[in-house]
Amino acid sequence: MQNMNQPSDSVASTILDVFYETETQERKSKEKQASKRRLQARRAIEDYLENKRLREATEDYYLSE
């Protein structure tokens, strides 16, 4: 009876391994996408602030002439 359970235990273990691997890959993919979105947002904010600073500097230059 013990020998008959071994193949099913092996199959169950393999299935669990596959599910775990799939779950891990999905989590890593979501983390990577979230990281990319945060980086894009940070760059957009930096670009906005740089453009604002340049506009203000340009306005100050033209007003001082």
Protein backbone atom coordinates (compact mmCIF):
# COMPACT_ATOMS: atom_id res chain seq x y z
CA MET A 1 0.00 0.00 0.00
CA GLN A 2 2.87 2.36 0.75
CA ASN A 3 4.35 1.86 -2.73
CA MET A 4 1.05 2.77 -4.40
CA ASN A 5 0.96 6.16 -2.63
CA GLN A 6 4.46 7.12 -3.70
CA PRO A 7 3.61 7.95 -7.33
CA SER A 8 0.63 10.07 -6.29
CA ASP A 9 2.78 11.83 -3.69
CA SER A 10 5.36 12.50 -6.37
CA VAL A 11 2.72 13.88 -8.74
CA ALA A 12 1.21 16.03 -6.01
CA SER A 13 4.65 17.34 -5.11
CA THR A 14 5.38 18.14 -8.75
CA ILE A 15 2.07 19.95 -9.14
CA LEU A 16 2.72 21.99 -6.01
CA ASP A 17 6.19 22.87 -7.29
CA VAL A 18 4.72 24.05 -10.60
CA PHE A 19 2.10 26.19 -8.85
CA TYR A 20 4.72 27.66 -6.53
CA GLU A 21 7.02 28.49 -9.43
CA THR A 22 4.17 30.12 -11.35
CA GLU A 23 3.17 32.16 -8.31
CA THR A 24 6.76 33.27 -7.77
CA GLN A 25 7.17 34.31 -11.40
CA GLU A 26 3.92 36.30 -11.32
CA ARG A 27 4.97 38.09 -8.14
CA LYS A 28 8.37 38.98 -9.59
CA SER A 29 6.74 40.22 -12.78
CA LYS A 30 4.32 42.44 -10.83
CA GLU A 31 7.15 43.80 -8.70
CA LYS A 32 9.18 44.60 -11.82
CA GLN A 33 6.22 46.38 -13.44
CA ALA A 34 5.57 48.38 -10.27
CA SER A 35 9.23 49.34 -10.11
CA LYS A 36 9.12 50.55 -13.73
CA ARG A 37 6.00 52.62 -13.03
CA ARG A 38 7.62 54.24 -9.99
CA LEU A 39 10.73 55.06 -12.01
CA GLN A 40 8.64 56.60 -14.80
CA ALA A 41 6.70 58.67 -12.28
CA ARG A 42 9.89 59.86 -10.59
CA ARG A 43 11.42 60.83 -13.94
CA ALA A 44 8.25 62.68 -14.95
CA ILE A 45 8.32 64.65 -11.69
CA GLU A 46 12.00 65.46 -12.14
CA ASP A 47 11.36 66.61 -15.74
CA TYR A 48 8.46 68.78 -14.61
CA LEU A 49 10.49 70.41 -11.84
CA GLU A 50 13.45 70.99 -14.17
CA ASN A 51 11.19 72.61 -16.80
CA LYS A 52 9.59 74.76 -14.11
CA ARG A 53 12.99 75.86 -12.86
CA LEU A 54 14.12 76.71 -16.40
CA ARG A 55 10.91 78.67 -17.11
CA GLU A 56 11.38 80.68 -13.93
CA ALA A 57 15.04 81.32 -14.71
CA THR A 58 14.13 82.42 -18.24
CA GLU A 59 11.38 84.72 -16.96
CA ASP A 60 13.78 86.25 -14.45
CA TYR A 61 16.33 86.81 -17.22
CA TYR A 62 13.85 88.56 -19.52
CA LEU A 63 12.40 90.65 -16.69
CA SER A 64 15.83 91.82 -15.55
CA GLU A 65 16.75 93.21 -18.98
